[in-house]
Amino acid sequence: MATFSVYMIRHGQTYFNKYRRMQGWCDSPLTTVGETDAVNAGKMLNGIHFDAAYASDMTRAMRTAQLMLPASGNEQLKVQPLAAFREAFYGYFEGDDTSQTWFEVGAPHNAPTLSDIIDQYGIEKAKDFCKEADPFHRAENNAEFWERVNSGIDTLRANQKDGDKVLLVSHGNTIYSIAAKFANLTSPDRPQNGSVTKFTVTDDTVSLDYFGRKDHLA
């Protein structure tokens, strides 16, 4: 049985993050702060030899990974895009104001913010409620999201060897959803830009080692 480590990093701050817009499969560039987030995340991981580097195929994730690799001392690696680890798709709500969107999504369920939805129903229902509220019903529900993400986890299992260390740049909702599924998270707080969450993956299990750290790591 192969056992390997996955260090999941949330991409650096983007303009949509800064202006509080819904950002799933739509994209926006890293801000100057976001580029610093990426370099700092690399520095946190400096001294760890990675055997592979992946990122969601979104520009913000790929750019973060490209800035991280030299800062972490792994400039020899090439970033491999993995669309399976994209952010959740918000359909009609892509690019809209974040607070207004989650109010529209959660208000019918007496949960007017994303934190309220997570507190009362869990992150899985946030996706289901989003698809229900989307007038075109194109947003990903929880089942669709996990069909995609599970395919990504299967890809990692197929590609990595026992003892490997893997760098993977992804997105806040995606990282939180994986952590919530495999660990008992009690806080609705999602990981910050440039933070690191570590998982240990085997042939049939995923376990959370730590969540959303922004200090020097090993």
N, C-alpha and C. Protein backbone atom coordinates (compact mmCIF):
# COMPACT_ATOMS: atom_id res chain seq x y z
N MET A 1 0.85 -1.20 0.00
CA MET A 1 0.00 0.00 0.00
C MET A 1 0.88 1.25 0.00
N ALA A 2 0.62 2.16 -0.93
CA ALA A 2 1.37 3.42 -0.99
C ALA A 2 0.75 4.44 -0.04
N THR A 3 1.61 5.14 0.68
CA THR A 3 1.19 6.24 1.54
C THR A 3 2.02 7.46 1.15
N PHE A 4 1.35 8.58 0.84
CA PHE A 4 2.07 9.78 0.44
C PHE A 4 1.40 11.02 1.03
N SER A 5 2.14 12.12 1.07
CA SER A 5 1.67 13.37 1.66
C SER A 5 1.27 14.35 0.56
N VAL A 6 0.17 15.06 0.77
CA VAL A 6 -0.28 16.09 -0.16
C VAL A 6 -0.38 17.41 0.61
N TYR A 7 0.41 18.37 0.19
CA TYR A 7 0.38 19.71 0.77
C TYR A 7 -0.49 20.58 -0.14
N MET A 8 -1.71 20.89 0.30
CA MET A 8 -2.65 21.67 -0.51
C MET A 8 -2.57 23.13 -0.09
N ILE A 9 -2.28 23.97 -1.06
CA ILE A 9 -2.12 25.40 -0.81
C ILE A 9 -3.26 26.14 -1.49
N ARG A 10 -3.89 27.06 -0.75
CA ARG A 10 -4.87 27.94 -1.42
C ARG A 10 -4.10 29.00 -2.18
N HIS A 11 -4.50 29.24 -3.43
CA HIS A 11 -3.84 30.24 -4.27
C HIS A 11 -3.77 31.60 -3.56
N GLY A 12 -2.89 32.45 -4.07
CA GLY A 12 -2.76 33.80 -3.53
C GLY A 12 -3.98 34.65 -3.83
N GLN A 13 -4.07 35.78 -3.13
CA GLN A 13 -5.21 36.70 -3.30
C GLN A 13 -5.35 37.12 -4.77
N THR A 14 -6.59 37.14 -5.26
CA THR A 14 -6.90 37.62 -6.60
C THR A 14 -7.72 38.90 -6.50
N TYR A 15 -7.94 39.53 -7.65
CA TYR A 15 -8.77 40.74 -7.65
C TYR A 15 -10.21 40.41 -7.25
N PHE A 16 -10.72 39.26 -7.66
CA PHE A 16 -12.07 38.88 -7.23
C PHE A 16 -12.12 38.63 -5.73
N ASN A 17 -11.06 38.05 -5.15
CA ASN A 17 -11.01 37.92 -3.70
C ASN A 17 -11.05 39.30 -3.04
N LYS A 18 -10.23 40.20 -3.56
CA LYS A 18 -10.12 41.55 -2.97
C LYS A 18 -11.45 42.28 -3.00
N TYR A 19 -12.19 42.13 -4.10
CA TYR A 19 -13.45 42.85 -4.25
C TYR A 19 -14.66 41.99 -3.91
N ARG A 20 -14.41 40.86 -3.29
CA ARG A 20 -15.46 39.99 -2.76
C ARG A 20 -16.48 39.60 -3.83
N ARG A 21 -15.95 38.96 -4.89
CA ARG A 21 -16.78 38.45 -5.96
C ARG A 21 -16.71 36.92 -5.97
N MET A 22 -17.78 36.28 -6.40
CA MET A 22 -17.82 34.82 -6.50
C MET A 22 -16.83 34.36 -7.58
N GLN A 23 -15.95 33.45 -7.21
CA GLN A 23 -14.88 33.04 -8.11
C GLN A 23 -14.73 31.52 -8.05
N GLY A 24 -15.42 30.86 -8.95
CA GLY A 24 -15.33 29.42 -9.05
C GLY A 24 -14.54 29.05 -10.29
N TRP A 25 -15.25 28.86 -11.41
CA TRP A 25 -14.58 28.53 -12.66
C TRP A 25 -14.25 29.79 -13.46
N CYS A 26 -14.77 30.96 -13.07
CA CYS A 26 -14.28 32.20 -13.64
C CYS A 26 -12.96 32.52 -12.94
N ASP A 27 -12.18 33.41 -13.50
CA ASP A 27 -10.83 33.62 -12.99
C ASP A 27 -10.52 35.11 -12.95
N SER A 28 -9.56 35.47 -12.12
CA SER A 28 -9.00 36.82 -12.12
C SER A 28 -7.54 36.72 -11.70
N PRO A 29 -6.72 37.69 -12.10
CA PRO A 29 -5.28 37.59 -11.82
C PRO A 29 -4.97 37.74 -10.32
N LEU A 30 -3.79 37.28 -9.93
CA LEU A 30 -3.29 37.55 -8.60
C LEU A 30 -3.01 39.04 -8.45
N THR A 31 -3.35 39.58 -7.29
CA THR A 31 -2.91 40.93 -6.95
C THR A 31 -1.44 40.89 -6.54
N THR A 32 -0.87 42.07 -6.29
CA THR A 32 0.50 42.11 -5.76
C THR A 32 0.57 41.38 -4.43
N VAL A 33 -0.45 41.56 -3.62
CA VAL A 33 -0.53 40.82 -2.35
C VAL A 33 -0.59 39.32 -2.61
N GLY A 34 -1.33 38.92 -3.64
CA GLY A 34 -1.46 37.51 -3.98
C GLY A 34 -0.15 36.89 -4.42
N GLU A 35 0.65 37.65 -5.15
CA GLU A 35 1.96 37.15 -5.54
C GLU A 35 2.85 36.97 -4.32
N THR A 36 2.74 37.90 -3.37
CA THR A 36 3.49 37.76 -2.12
C THR A 36 3.00 36.57 -1.32
N ASP A 37 1.67 36.35 -1.32
CA ASP A 37 1.11 35.15 -0.66
C ASP A 37 1.78 33.89 -1.20
N ALA A 38 1.92 33.83 -2.52
CA ALA A 38 2.49 32.64 -3.16
C ALA A 38 3.94 32.44 -2.78
N VAL A 39 4.72 33.51 -2.84
CA VAL A 39 6.14 33.41 -2.48
C VAL A 39 6.29 33.02 -1.02
N ASN A 40 5.48 33.62 -0.15
CA ASN A 40 5.55 33.29 1.27
C ASN A 40 5.16 31.84 1.53
N ALA A 41 4.18 31.34 0.80
CA ALA A 41 3.80 29.93 0.96
C ALA A 41 4.95 29.03 0.55
N GLY A 42 5.66 29.41 -0.51
CA GLY A 42 6.83 28.64 -0.92
C GLY A 42 7.90 28.65 0.16
N LYS A 43 8.14 29.82 0.75
CA LYS A 43 9.14 29.93 1.81
C LYS A 43 8.77 29.06 3.01
N MET A 44 7.46 28.98 3.32
CA MET A 44 7.03 28.14 4.44
C MET A 44 7.41 26.68 4.22
N LEU A 45 7.45 26.28 2.95
CA LEU A 45 7.72 24.88 2.61
C LEU A 45 9.17 24.65 2.18
N ASN A 46 9.98 25.68 2.32
CA ASN A 46 11.38 25.55 1.92
C ASN A 46 12.07 24.49 2.76
N GLY A 47 12.82 23.63 2.10
CA GLY A 47 13.47 22.52 2.79
C GLY A 47 12.75 21.20 2.58
N ILE A 48 11.51 21.25 2.08
CA ILE A 48 10.79 20.02 1.75
C ILE A 48 11.03 19.70 0.28
N HIS A 49 11.54 18.52 0.01
CA HIS A 49 11.74 18.08 -1.37
C HIS A 49 10.45 17.46 -1.88
N PHE A 50 9.84 18.10 -2.88
CA PHE A 50 8.60 17.58 -3.45
C PHE A 50 8.91 16.68 -4.64
N ASP A 51 8.14 15.61 -4.74
CA ASP A 51 8.31 14.66 -5.84
C ASP A 51 7.44 15.00 -7.04
N ALA A 52 6.42 15.82 -6.82
CA ALA A 52 5.54 16.25 -7.91
C ALA A 52 4.85 17.54 -7.50
N ALA A 53 4.48 18.35 -8.49
CA ALA A 53 3.76 19.60 -8.25
C ALA A 53 2.56 19.67 -9.19
N TYR A 54 1.40 19.88 -8.61
CA TYR A 54 0.16 19.99 -9.37
C TYR A 54 -0.54 21.30 -8.99
N ALA A 55 -1.45 21.71 -9.86
CA ALA A 55 -2.32 22.85 -9.55
C ALA A 55 -3.61 22.69 -10.32
N SER A 56 -4.68 23.20 -9.77
CA SER A 56 -5.88 23.40 -10.55
C SER A 56 -5.49 24.11 -11.84
N ASP A 57 -6.22 23.86 -12.92
CA ASP A 57 -5.86 24.47 -14.20
C ASP A 57 -6.28 25.93 -14.31
N MET A 58 -6.86 26.50 -13.25
CA MET A 58 -7.21 27.92 -13.26
C MET A 58 -5.92 28.76 -13.17
N THR A 59 -5.90 29.89 -13.88
CA THR A 59 -4.69 30.72 -13.95
C THR A 59 -4.19 31.11 -12.58
N ARG A 60 -5.09 31.44 -11.65
CA ARG A 60 -4.67 31.88 -10.32
C ARG A 60 -3.93 30.79 -9.56
N ALA A 61 -4.32 29.54 -9.78
CA ALA A 61 -3.65 28.42 -9.11
C ALA A 61 -2.33 28.10 -9.78
N MET A 62 -2.31 28.08 -11.10
CA MET A 62 -1.07 27.79 -11.82
C MET A 62 -0.01 28.84 -11.52
N ARG A 63 -0.41 30.12 -11.51
CA ARG A 63 0.55 31.20 -11.23
C ARG A 63 1.08 31.08 -9.81
N THR A 64 0.23 30.75 -8.86
CA THR A 64 0.67 30.57 -7.48
C THR A 64 1.72 29.47 -7.41
N ALA A 65 1.46 28.34 -8.04
CA ALA A 65 2.40 27.23 -8.01
C ALA A 65 3.73 27.61 -8.66
N GLN A 66 3.67 28.35 -9.77
CA GLN A 66 4.90 28.75 -10.45
C GLN A 66 5.75 29.68 -9.58
N LEU A 67 5.12 30.51 -8.76
CA LEU A 67 5.85 31.39 -7.86
C LEU A 67 6.36 30.63 -6.63
N MET A 68 5.61 29.61 -6.23
CA MET A 68 5.98 28.84 -5.04
C MET A 68 7.22 27.98 -5.25
N LEU A 69 7.34 27.37 -6.41
CA LEU A 69 8.38 26.35 -6.60
C LEU A 69 9.80 26.87 -6.34
N PRO A 70 10.20 27.98 -6.95
CA PRO A 70 11.55 28.46 -6.63
C PRO A 70 11.70 28.91 -5.19
N ALA A 71 10.64 29.49 -4.61
CA ALA A 71 10.72 29.94 -3.22
C ALA A 71 10.84 28.77 -2.25
N SER A 72 10.37 27.60 -2.67
CA SER A 72 10.44 26.41 -1.81
C SER A 72 11.67 25.56 -2.08
N GLY A 73 12.47 25.98 -3.07
CA GLY A 73 13.66 25.20 -3.41
C GLY A 73 13.37 24.03 -4.32
N ASN A 74 12.23 24.08 -5.03
CA ASN A 74 11.84 22.99 -5.92
C ASN A 74 11.67 23.48 -7.36
N GLU A 75 12.56 24.39 -7.76
CA GLU A 75 12.42 25.00 -9.08
C GLU A 75 12.60 24.00 -10.23
N GLN A 76 13.10 22.80 -9.93
CA GLN A 76 13.30 21.80 -10.99
C GLN A 76 11.99 21.16 -11.43
N LEU A 77 10.94 21.30 -10.63
CA LEU A 77 9.66 20.66 -10.95
C LEU A 77 8.86 21.49 -11.94
N LYS A 78 8.08 20.81 -12.76
CA LYS A 78 7.13 21.46 -13.66
C LYS A 78 5.73 21.28 -13.08
N VAL A 79 4.95 22.36 -13.09
CA VAL A 79 3.59 22.29 -12.56
C VAL A 79 2.69 21.55 -13.54
N GLN A 80 2.01 20.53 -13.05
CA GLN A 80 1.08 19.75 -13.88
C GLN A 80 -0.35 20.19 -13.56
N PRO A 81 -1.12 20.67 -14.55
CA PRO A 81 -2.49 21.10 -14.28
C PRO A 81 -3.42 19.91 -14.05
N LEU A 82 -4.29 20.05 -13.06
CA LEU A 82 -5.31 19.04 -12.75
C LEU A 82 -6.66 19.74 -12.57
N ALA A 83 -7.48 19.70 -13.60
CA ALA A 83 -8.78 20.38 -13.55
C ALA A 83 -9.68 19.83 -12.46
N ALA A 84 -9.43 18.60 -12.04
CA ALA A 84 -10.27 17.98 -11.00
C ALA A 84 -10.25 18.76 -9.70
N PHE A 85 -9.18 19.53 -9.46
CA PHE A 85 -9.06 20.27 -8.21
C PHE A 85 -9.40 21.75 -8.37
N ARG A 86 -10.23 22.06 -9.38
CA ARG A 86 -10.79 23.42 -9.48
C ARG A 86 -11.66 23.74 -8.26
N GLU A 87 -11.96 25.04 -8.14
CA GLU A 87 -12.96 25.47 -7.17
C GLU A 87 -14.32 24.93 -7.58
N ALA A 88 -15.27 24.94 -6.66
CA ALA A 88 -16.65 24.61 -7.01
C ALA A 88 -17.14 25.57 -8.09
N PHE A 89 -18.04 25.09 -8.93
CA PHE A 89 -18.62 25.91 -10.00
C PHE A 89 -19.91 26.53 -9.49
N TYR A 90 -20.00 27.88 -9.58
CA TYR A 90 -21.16 28.59 -9.03
C TYR A 90 -22.18 29.00 -10.09
N GLY A 91 -21.99 28.53 -11.32
CA GLY A 91 -23.00 28.73 -12.35
C GLY A 91 -23.38 30.19 -12.56
N TYR A 92 -24.67 30.48 -12.50
CA TYR A 92 -25.21 31.82 -12.72
C TYR A 92 -24.57 32.87 -11.82
N PHE A 93 -24.10 32.45 -10.65
CA PHE A 93 -23.59 33.40 -9.66
C PHE A 93 -22.12 33.75 -9.85
N GLU A 94 -21.45 33.15 -10.82
CA GLU A 94 -20.04 33.46 -11.05
C GLU A 94 -19.84 34.96 -11.27
N GLY A 95 -18.91 35.54 -10.52
CA GLY A 95 -18.58 36.96 -10.66
C GLY A 95 -19.46 37.90 -9.87
N ASP A 96 -20.53 37.39 -9.25
CA ASP A 96 -21.44 38.25 -8.48
C ASP A 96 -20.86 38.56 -7.10
N ASP A 97 -21.46 39.55 -6.45
CA ASP A 97 -21.07 39.91 -5.09
C ASP A 97 -21.23 38.71 -4.16
N THR A 98 -20.20 38.42 -3.37
CA THR A 98 -20.19 37.22 -2.54
C THR A 98 -21.30 37.23 -1.49
N SER A 99 -21.40 38.33 -0.75
CA SER A 99 -22.39 38.38 0.34
C SER A 99 -23.81 38.29 -0.20
N GLN A 100 -24.09 39.01 -1.30
CA GLN A 100 -25.42 38.99 -1.89
C GLN A 100 -25.77 37.60 -2.41
N THR A 101 -24.79 36.94 -3.03
CA THR A 101 -25.04 35.60 -3.56
C THR A 101 -25.40 34.63 -2.45
N TRP A 102 -24.60 34.59 -1.39
CA TRP A 102 -24.89 33.62 -0.33
C TRP A 102 -26.17 33.95 0.41
N PHE A 103 -26.56 35.25 0.42
CA PHE A 103 -27.86 35.60 0.98
C PHE A 103 -28.98 34.99 0.13
N GLU A 104 -28.87 35.14 -1.19
CA GLU A 104 -29.89 34.57 -2.08
C GLU A 104 -29.94 33.05 -1.97
N VAL A 105 -28.76 32.43 -1.85
CA VAL A 105 -28.69 30.98 -1.78
C VAL A 105 -29.21 30.45 -0.45
N GLY A 106 -28.84 31.12 0.64
CA GLY A 106 -29.15 30.60 1.97
C GLY A 106 -30.42 31.09 2.60
N ALA A 107 -30.93 32.26 2.19
CA ALA A 107 -32.10 32.84 2.84
C ALA A 107 -33.32 31.90 2.85
N PRO A 108 -33.59 31.16 1.75
CA PRO A 108 -34.74 30.24 1.81
C PRO A 108 -34.60 29.16 2.88
N HIS A 109 -33.38 28.98 3.39
CA HIS A 109 -33.12 27.97 4.40
C HIS A 109 -32.78 28.61 5.75
N ASN A 110 -33.17 29.90 5.89
CA ASN A 110 -32.92 30.66 7.13
C ASN A 110 -31.44 30.69 7.49
N ALA A 111 -30.59 30.79 6.48
CA ALA A 111 -29.15 30.85 6.67
C ALA A 111 -28.59 31.90 5.70
N PRO A 112 -28.53 33.18 6.10
CA PRO A 112 -28.24 34.25 5.16
C PRO A 112 -26.78 34.46 4.78
N THR A 113 -25.85 33.70 5.36
CA THR A 113 -24.44 33.80 4.98
C THR A 113 -23.89 32.39 4.76
N LEU A 114 -22.74 32.31 4.09
CA LEU A 114 -22.12 31.01 3.89
C LEU A 114 -21.76 30.37 5.23
N SER A 115 -21.25 31.16 6.16
CA SER A 115 -20.92 30.61 7.48
C SER A 115 -22.16 30.04 8.16
N ASP A 116 -23.30 30.73 8.01
CA ASP A 116 -24.55 30.22 8.58
C ASP A 116 -24.95 28.90 7.93
N ILE A 117 -24.80 28.82 6.61
CA ILE A 117 -25.15 27.57 5.91
C ILE A 117 -24.28 26.43 6.42
N ILE A 118 -22.97 26.68 6.52
CA ILE A 118 -22.06 25.64 6.99
C ILE A 118 -22.38 25.25 8.43
N ASP A 119 -22.62 26.25 9.28
CA ASP A 119 -22.95 25.97 10.69
C ASP A 119 -24.18 25.09 10.81
N GLN A 120 -25.22 25.40 10.03
CA GLN A 120 -26.51 24.72 10.20
C GLN A 120 -26.63 23.45 9.37
N TYR A 121 -25.99 23.42 8.19
CA TYR A 121 -26.24 22.32 7.26
C TYR A 121 -24.98 21.60 6.79
N GLY A 122 -23.81 22.27 6.87
CA GLY A 122 -22.58 21.69 6.35
C GLY A 122 -22.25 22.22 4.96
N ILE A 123 -20.98 22.12 4.59
CA ILE A 123 -20.51 22.64 3.31
C ILE A 123 -21.14 21.89 2.13
N GLU A 124 -21.51 20.62 2.33
CA GLU A 124 -22.12 19.87 1.23
C GLU A 124 -23.43 20.51 0.78
N LYS A 125 -24.25 20.91 1.75
CA LYS A 125 -25.54 21.52 1.42
C LYS A 125 -25.39 22.89 0.78
N ALA A 126 -24.26 23.58 1.09
CA ALA A 126 -24.04 24.88 0.44
C ALA A 126 -24.02 24.72 -1.07
N LYS A 127 -23.40 23.64 -1.55
CA LYS A 127 -23.36 23.40 -3.00
C LYS A 127 -24.74 23.03 -3.53
N ASP A 128 -25.45 22.19 -2.81
CA ASP A 128 -26.80 21.81 -3.24
C ASP A 128 -27.73 23.02 -3.29
N PHE A 129 -27.65 23.87 -2.26
CA PHE A 129 -28.49 25.07 -2.22
C PHE A 129 -28.15 26.02 -3.36
N CYS A 130 -26.85 26.10 -3.70
CA CYS A 130 -26.42 26.98 -4.79
C CYS A 130 -27.01 26.52 -6.11
N LYS A 131 -27.00 25.22 -6.36
CA LYS A 131 -27.58 24.71 -7.61
C LYS A 131 -29.09 24.96 -7.65
N GLU A 132 -29.76 24.78 -6.50
CA GLU A 132 -31.20 25.03 -6.43
C GLU A 132 -31.52 26.50 -6.74
N ALA A 133 -30.68 27.42 -6.21
CA ALA A 133 -30.95 28.85 -6.38
C ALA A 133 -30.57 29.36 -7.76
N ASP A 134 -29.65 28.69 -8.43
CA ASP A 134 -29.22 29.08 -9.77
C ASP A 134 -30.41 28.93 -10.72
N PRO A 135 -30.87 30.02 -11.36
CA PRO A 135 -32.05 29.90 -12.25
C PRO A 135 -31.82 28.97 -13.43
N PHE A 136 -30.56 28.72 -13.78
CA PHE A 136 -30.24 27.78 -14.85
C PHE A 136 -29.84 26.40 -14.33
N HIS A 137 -29.70 26.29 -13.01
CA HIS A 137 -29.33 25.04 -12.35
C HIS A 137 -28.05 24.44 -12.92
N ARG A 138 -27.08 25.33 -13.22
CA ARG A 138 -25.81 24.88 -13.77
C ARG A 138 -24.71 24.79 -12.72
N ALA A 139 -24.90 25.42 -11.57
CA ALA A 139 -23.90 25.32 -10.51
C ALA A 139 -23.73 23.86 -10.10
N GLU A 140 -22.54 23.52 -9.63
CA GLU A 140 -22.29 22.15 -9.19
C GLU A 140 -23.01 21.86 -7.87
N ASN A 141 -23.70 20.74 -7.80
CA ASN A 141 -24.18 20.29 -6.49
C ASN A 141 -23.09 19.43 -5.85
N ASN A 142 -23.36 18.94 -4.66
CA ASN A 142 -22.32 18.23 -3.93
C ASN A 142 -21.89 16.94 -4.64
N ALA A 143 -22.86 16.22 -5.21
CA ALA A 143 -22.53 14.97 -5.90
C ALA A 143 -21.64 15.24 -7.11
N GLU A 144 -21.95 16.27 -7.87
CA GLU A 144 -21.16 16.60 -9.05
C GLU A 144 -19.75 17.05 -8.66
N PHE A 145 -19.68 17.86 -7.61
CA PHE A 145 -18.38 18.31 -7.11
C PHE A 145 -17.51 17.12 -6.72
N TRP A 146 -18.07 16.17 -5.97
CA TRP A 146 -17.27 15.05 -5.49
C TRP A 146 -16.93 14.04 -6.58
N GLU A 147 -17.77 13.92 -7.59
CA GLU A 147 -17.40 13.07 -8.72
C GLU A 147 -16.11 13.59 -9.36
N ARG A 148 -16.02 14.90 -9.48
CA ARG A 148 -14.84 15.52 -10.06
C ARG A 148 -13.62 15.40 -9.13
N VAL A 149 -13.78 15.78 -7.86
CA VAL A 149 -12.64 15.78 -6.94
C VAL A 149 -12.15 14.35 -6.68
N ASN A 150 -13.06 13.40 -6.57
CA ASN A 150 -12.63 12.00 -6.37
C ASN A 150 -11.79 11.51 -7.54
N SER A 151 -12.10 11.97 -8.75
CA SER A 151 -11.29 11.58 -9.91
C SER A 151 -9.88 12.14 -9.77
N GLY A 152 -9.76 13.32 -9.18
CA GLY A 152 -8.44 13.90 -8.95
C GLY A 152 -7.66 13.13 -7.90
N ILE A 153 -8.32 12.73 -6.83
CA ILE A 153 -7.66 11.93 -5.80
C ILE A 153 -7.21 10.60 -6.40
N ASP A 154 -8.04 10.01 -7.26
CA ASP A 154 -7.65 8.76 -7.93
C ASP A 154 -6.43 8.97 -8.82
N THR A 155 -6.35 10.12 -9.48
CA THR A 155 -5.19 10.42 -10.32
C THR A 155 -3.92 10.50 -9.48
N LEU A 156 -4.00 11.15 -8.33
CA LEU A 156 -2.84 11.21 -7.44
C LEU A 156 -2.42 9.82 -7.00
N ARG A 157 -3.38 8.99 -6.62
CA ARG A 157 -3.06 7.63 -6.19
C ARG A 157 -2.38 6.83 -7.31
N ALA A 158 -2.81 7.07 -8.54
CA ALA A 158 -2.23 6.34 -9.66
C ALA A 158 -0.81 6.82 -9.98
N ASN A 159 -0.54 8.11 -9.71
CA ASN A 159 0.73 8.70 -10.12
C ASN A 159 1.83 8.64 -9.06
N GLN A 160 1.45 8.61 -7.78
CA GLN A 160 2.45 8.78 -6.73
C GLN A 160 2.87 7.46 -6.11
N LYS A 161 4.10 7.46 -5.58
CA LYS A 161 4.69 6.27 -4.96
C LYS A 161 4.71 6.42 -3.44
N ASP A 162 4.96 5.33 -2.78
CA ASP A 162 5.05 5.33 -1.32
C ASP A 162 6.12 6.32 -0.86
N GLY A 163 5.74 7.17 0.10
CA GLY A 163 6.68 8.13 0.66
C GLY A 163 6.77 9.44 -0.08
N ASP A 164 6.08 9.60 -1.21
CA ASP A 164 6.15 10.84 -1.98
C ASP A 164 5.58 12.02 -1.19
N LYS A 165 6.09 13.19 -1.52
CA LYS A 165 5.54 14.47 -1.04
C LYS A 165 5.07 15.24 -2.27
N VAL A 166 3.81 15.67 -2.22
CA VAL A 166 3.16 16.30 -3.37
C VAL A 166 2.72 17.70 -3.01
N LEU A 167 3.04 18.67 -3.86
CA LEU A 167 2.54 20.03 -3.73
C LEU A 167 1.34 20.17 -4.66
N LEU A 168 0.24 20.72 -4.15
CA LEU A 168 -0.99 20.85 -4.93
C LEU A 168 -1.66 22.19 -4.60
N VAL A 169 -1.71 23.10 -5.56
CA VAL A 169 -2.36 24.39 -5.36
C VAL A 169 -3.81 24.29 -5.81
N SER A 170 -4.72 24.66 -4.91
CA SER A 170 -6.14 24.55 -5.20
C SER A 170 -6.86 25.79 -4.66
N HIS A 171 -8.08 25.61 -4.18
CA HIS A 171 -8.97 26.73 -3.88
C HIS A 171 -9.63 26.54 -2.51
N GLY A 172 -10.10 27.67 -1.95
CA GLY A 172 -10.59 27.65 -0.58
C GLY A 172 -11.73 26.69 -0.32
N ASN A 173 -12.77 26.75 -1.15
CA ASN A 173 -13.92 25.87 -0.95
C ASN A 173 -13.53 24.41 -1.17
N THR A 174 -12.68 24.17 -2.16
CA THR A 174 -12.27 22.80 -2.46
C THR A 174 -11.45 22.20 -1.31
N ILE A 175 -10.48 22.97 -0.82
CA ILE A 175 -9.66 22.48 0.28
C ILE A 175 -10.51 22.27 1.52
N TYR A 176 -11.38 23.23 1.82
CA TYR A 176 -12.25 23.09 3.00
C TYR A 176 -13.15 21.87 2.87
N SER A 177 -13.70 21.66 1.67
CA SER A 177 -14.62 20.53 1.46
C SER A 177 -13.92 19.20 1.68
N ILE A 178 -12.69 19.07 1.18
CA ILE A 178 -11.94 17.82 1.37
C ILE A 178 -11.63 17.62 2.85
N ALA A 179 -11.20 18.69 3.52
CA ALA A 179 -10.89 18.59 4.95
C ALA A 179 -12.14 18.25 5.76
N ALA A 180 -13.27 18.87 5.41
CA ALA A 180 -14.51 18.61 6.16
C ALA A 180 -14.99 17.18 5.96
N LYS A 181 -14.77 16.63 4.78
CA LYS A 181 -15.22 15.27 4.50
C LYS A 181 -14.43 14.23 5.29
N PHE A 182 -13.12 14.47 5.44
CA PHE A 182 -12.27 13.45 6.04
C PHE A 182 -11.82 13.77 7.47
N ALA A 183 -12.28 14.90 8.02
CA ALA A 183 -11.95 15.25 9.40
C ALA A 183 -13.16 15.96 10.01
N ASN A 184 -13.19 16.05 11.31
CA ASN A 184 -14.32 16.66 12.01
C ASN A 184 -14.05 18.14 12.23
N LEU A 185 -14.24 18.94 11.17
CA LEU A 185 -14.04 20.37 11.31
C LEU A 185 -15.26 21.00 11.97
N THR A 186 -15.03 21.79 13.00
CA THR A 186 -16.14 22.43 13.70
C THR A 186 -16.28 23.90 13.35
N SER A 187 -15.26 24.49 12.74
CA SER A 187 -15.29 25.91 12.39
C SER A 187 -15.69 26.08 10.93
N PRO A 188 -16.52 27.10 10.63
CA PRO A 188 -16.86 27.36 9.23
C PRO A 188 -15.79 28.16 8.49
N ASP A 189 -14.69 28.51 9.15
CA ASP A 189 -13.67 29.35 8.54
C ASP A 189 -12.92 28.58 7.46
N ARG A 190 -12.90 29.13 6.25
CA ARG A 190 -12.19 28.52 5.15
C ARG A 190 -10.71 28.91 5.19
N PRO A 191 -9.84 28.17 4.53
CA PRO A 191 -8.41 28.49 4.57
C PRO A 191 -8.11 29.82 3.90
N GLN A 192 -7.16 30.55 4.44
CA GLN A 192 -6.78 31.85 3.89
C GLN A 192 -5.92 31.67 2.63
N ASN A 193 -5.85 32.74 1.84
CA ASN A 193 -4.97 32.73 0.68
C ASN A 193 -3.54 32.46 1.12
N GLY A 194 -2.87 31.54 0.42
CA GLY A 194 -1.49 31.23 0.71
C GLY A 194 -1.27 30.32 1.90
N SER A 195 -2.33 29.77 2.46
CA SER A 195 -2.18 28.86 3.60
C SER A 195 -1.99 27.42 3.11
N VAL A 196 -1.47 26.58 4.01
CA VAL A 196 -1.14 25.20 3.66
C VAL A 196 -1.97 24.24 4.52
N THR A 197 -2.57 23.27 3.86
CA THR A 197 -3.31 22.20 4.51
C THR A 197 -2.69 20.88 4.06
N LYS A 198 -2.38 20.02 5.01
CA LYS A 198 -1.67 18.78 4.66
C LYS A 198 -2.55 17.56 4.89
N PHE A 199 -2.54 16.67 3.91
CA PHE A 199 -3.26 15.40 3.98
C PHE A 199 -2.27 14.25 3.82
N THR A 200 -2.59 13.13 4.45
CA THR A 200 -1.90 11.87 4.18
C THR A 200 -2.87 10.97 3.42
N VAL A 201 -2.44 10.47 2.27
CA VAL A 201 -3.30 9.68 1.39
C VAL A 201 -2.73 8.27 1.25
N THR A 202 -3.60 7.28 1.40
CA THR A 202 -3.24 5.89 1.12
C THR A 202 -4.12 5.38 -0.01
N ASP A 203 -4.02 4.10 -0.30
CA ASP A 203 -4.83 3.52 -1.38
C ASP A 203 -6.33 3.66 -1.12
N ASP A 204 -6.72 3.71 0.14
CA ASP A 204 -8.15 3.76 0.42
C ASP A 204 -8.55 4.74 1.51
N THR A 205 -7.62 5.59 1.98
CA THR A 205 -7.98 6.57 3.01
C THR A 205 -7.36 7.93 2.70
N VAL A 206 -7.98 8.96 3.26
CA VAL A 206 -7.43 10.31 3.27
C VAL A 206 -7.56 10.83 4.70
N SER A 207 -6.47 11.31 5.28
CA SER A 207 -6.54 11.85 6.63
C SER A 207 -5.93 13.25 6.65
N LEU A 208 -6.46 14.10 7.53
CA LEU A 208 -6.01 15.49 7.65
C LEU A 208 -4.94 15.58 8.72
N ASP A 209 -3.78 16.12 8.35
CA ASP A 209 -2.69 16.33 9.31
C ASP A 209 -2.76 17.70 9.96
N TYR A 210 -2.98 18.74 9.15
CA TYR A 210 -3.22 20.08 9.70
C TYR A 210 -3.94 20.90 8.65
N PHE A 211 -4.50 22.03 9.09
CA PHE A 211 -5.42 22.79 8.25
C PHE A 211 -5.07 24.28 8.29
N GLY A 212 -4.89 24.87 7.11
CA GLY A 212 -4.81 26.32 6.97
C GLY A 212 -3.67 26.98 7.70
N ARG A 213 -2.49 26.35 7.71
CA ARG A 213 -1.36 26.93 8.44
C ARG A 213 -0.62 27.96 7.59
N LYS A 214 -0.06 28.99 8.27
CA LYS A 214 0.73 30.01 7.60
C LYS A 214 2.04 30.26 8.35
N ASP A 215 2.62 29.19 8.89
CA ASP A 215 3.91 29.28 9.56
C ASP A 215 4.89 28.33 8.87
N HIS A 216 6.12 28.27 9.35
CA HIS A 216 7.10 27.39 8.70
C HIS A 216 6.71 25.94 8.93
N LEU A 217 6.78 25.14 7.88
CA LEU A 217 6.23 23.79 7.92
C LEU A 217 7.28 22.74 7.60
N ALA A 218 6.95 21.50 7.96
CA ALA A 218 7.81 20.37 7.64
C ALA A 218 6.94 19.18 7.27
